[in-house]
Amino acid sequence: TTLTVVCFAGMQMFRSQLGSTEYMTIVGGFVGSICFILLLTAVNNFENLMFGNGFQSKLFPEVAGCLVVAMFMSGLVHRVCVTTCFIFSMVALYYMNKLSQMKYTAPISTPVSKQQQKK
């Protein structure tokens, strides 16, 4: 949560620079997606602490809530930052899900069929 607050404070400190050009609004959306990643990680760590190690983040309450908060943070900088934050957050969410599946899912073993030899 501390990194999320620092990221948001940095966005607010450099609000005028992030909203000045179209390239900087893209950077503002990228920083907003970093806030999304940090916020989702903080929420998931809190839930693992409260509900046990096997608890996973679901799409609706945790992911959607963190996405709305990160988009609101980006919206305080510039309107275009909201759109770029959403796009960057969806890409980051895809890769976070892919990494999570590689690390935490059990490997699926397929049964090996034996071929009969005909004489």
Protein backbone atom coordinates (compact mmCIF):
# COMPACT_ATOMS: atom_id res chain seq x y z
CA THR A 1 0.00 0.00 0.00
CA THR A 2 2.90 2.33 0.63
CA LEU A 3 4.13 2.02 -2.95
CA THR A 4 0.62 2.71 -4.22
CA VAL A 5 0.43 5.91 -2.18
CA VAL A 6 3.90 6.96 -3.38
CA CYS A 7 2.91 6.26 -7.00
CA PHE A 8 -0.31 8.26 -6.62
CA ALA A 9 1.55 11.12 -4.91
CA GLY A 10 4.03 11.19 -7.78
CA MET A 11 1.18 11.36 -10.27
CA GLN A 12 -0.33 14.28 -8.38
CA MET A 13 2.99 16.09 -8.03
CA PHE A 14 3.63 15.89 -11.77
CA ARG A 15 0.00 16.40 -12.83
CA SER A 16 0.72 19.41 -15.02
CA GLN A 17 3.61 17.68 -16.80
CA LEU A 18 1.66 14.44 -17.29
CA GLY A 19 -1.26 16.30 -18.82
CA SER A 20 0.77 18.65 -21.00
CA THR A 21 1.36 16.55 -24.15
CA GLU A 22 -0.26 13.48 -25.63
CA TYR A 23 2.84 11.36 -25.04
CA MET A 24 2.91 12.30 -21.39
CA THR A 25 -0.77 11.35 -21.02
CA ILE A 26 0.23 7.88 -22.21
CA VAL A 27 2.96 7.87 -19.56
CA GLY A 28 0.34 8.97 -17.01
CA GLY A 29 -1.84 6.01 -17.97
CA PHE A 30 1.15 3.69 -17.65
CA VAL A 31 1.87 5.00 -14.16
CA GLY A 32 -1.83 4.48 -13.37
CA SER A 33 -1.54 0.85 -14.46
CA ILE A 34 1.45 0.46 -12.16
CA CYS A 35 -0.81 1.79 -9.38
CA PHE A 36 -3.34 -0.89 -10.40
CA ILE A 37 -0.75 -3.65 -10.12
CA LEU A 38 0.47 -2.40 -6.74
CA LEU A 39 -3.06 -1.98 -5.42
CA LEU A 40 -4.15 -5.44 -6.58
CA THR A 41 -1.06 -6.96 -4.97
CA ALA A 42 -1.76 -5.14 -1.70
CA VAL A 43 -5.42 -6.25 -1.66
CA ASN A 44 -4.49 -9.85 -2.44
CA ASN A 45 -1.79 -9.89 0.27
CA PHE A 46 -4.31 -8.57 2.79
CA GLU A 47 -6.83 -11.22 1.81
CA ASN A 48 -4.22 -13.97 2.08
CA LEU A 49 -3.37 -12.67 5.53
CA MET A 50 -7.01 -12.62 6.64
CA PHE A 51 -8.45 -15.68 4.88
CA GLY A 52 -5.47 -18.02 4.55
CA ASN A 53 -2.83 -18.82 1.97
CA GLY A 54 -5.09 -20.48 -0.59
CA PHE A 55 -7.31 -17.45 -1.16
CA GLN A 56 -7.31 -16.09 -4.72
CA SER A 57 -8.42 -12.78 -6.15
CA LYS A 58 -11.66 -12.93 -8.07
CA LEU A 59 -12.57 -10.86 -11.10
CA PHE A 60 -15.50 -8.91 -9.73
CA PRO A 61 -14.75 -7.66 -6.26
CA GLU A 62 -10.97 -7.39 -6.18
CA VAL A 63 -9.80 -6.89 -9.75
CA ALA A 64 -12.68 -4.65 -10.82
CA GLY A 65 -12.46 -2.60 -7.64
CA CYS A 66 -8.72 -2.05 -7.98
CA LEU A 67 -9.17 -1.17 -11.65
CA VAL A 68 -11.82 1.44 -10.84
CA VAL A 69 -9.61 2.98 -8.15
CA ALA A 70 -6.59 3.09 -10.47
CA MET A 71 -8.66 4.62 -13.26
CA PHE A 72 -9.97 7.22 -10.80
CA MET A 73 -6.40 8.02 -9.81
CA SER A 74 -5.50 8.47 -13.47
CA GLY A 75 -8.61 10.55 -14.06
CA LEU A 76 -7.40 13.09 -11.52
CA VAL A 77 -4.42 13.71 -13.82
CA HIS A 78 -6.06 13.79 -17.28
CA ARG A 79 -9.06 12.26 -19.06
CA VAL A 80 -6.93 10.42 -21.61
CA CYS A 81 -4.91 8.83 -18.80
CA VAL A 82 -8.04 6.87 -17.84
CA THR A 83 -8.20 5.17 -21.24
CA THR A 84 -4.49 4.39 -21.40
CA CYS A 85 -4.56 3.19 -17.79
CA PHE A 86 -7.34 0.76 -18.70
CA ILE A 87 -5.44 -0.57 -21.73
CA PHE A 88 -2.13 -0.94 -19.90
CA SER A 89 -3.90 -2.52 -16.90
CA MET A 90 -5.60 -5.14 -19.08
CA VAL A 91 -2.26 -6.07 -20.65
CA ALA A 92 -0.63 -6.23 -17.21
CA LEU A 93 -3.52 -8.32 -15.86
CA TYR A 94 -3.15 -10.78 -18.74
CA TYR A 95 0.55 -11.28 -18.04
CA MET A 96 0.02 -11.43 -14.26
CA ASN A 97 -2.58 -14.18 -14.80
CA LYS A 98 -0.23 -16.03 -17.14
CA LEU A 99 2.63 -15.89 -14.61
CA SER A 100 0.30 -16.98 -11.82
CA GLN A 101 -0.88 -19.98 -13.81
CA MET A 102 2.69 -21.02 -14.58
CA LYS A 103 3.71 -20.82 -10.92
CA TYR A 104 0.66 -21.98 -8.95
CA THR A 105 -1.28 -24.48 -11.04
CA ALA A 106 -0.56 -28.16 -10.73
CA PRO A 107 0.77 -29.81 -13.86
CA ILE A 108 -1.79 -31.90 -15.66
CA SER A 109 -0.58 -35.38 -16.38
CA THR A 110 -1.99 -37.09 -19.44
CA PRO A 111 -2.36 -40.86 -19.38
CA VAL A 112 0.07 -42.61 -21.67
CA SER A 113 -1.62 -45.18 -23.87
CA LYS A 114 0.24 -48.35 -24.64
CA GLN A 115 0.09 -49.51 -28.19
CA GLN A 116 -0.38 -53.19 -28.78
CA GLN A 117 1.95 -54.82 -31.22
CA LYS A 118 0.40 -57.05 -33.80
CA LYS A 119 2.28 -60.13 -34.95
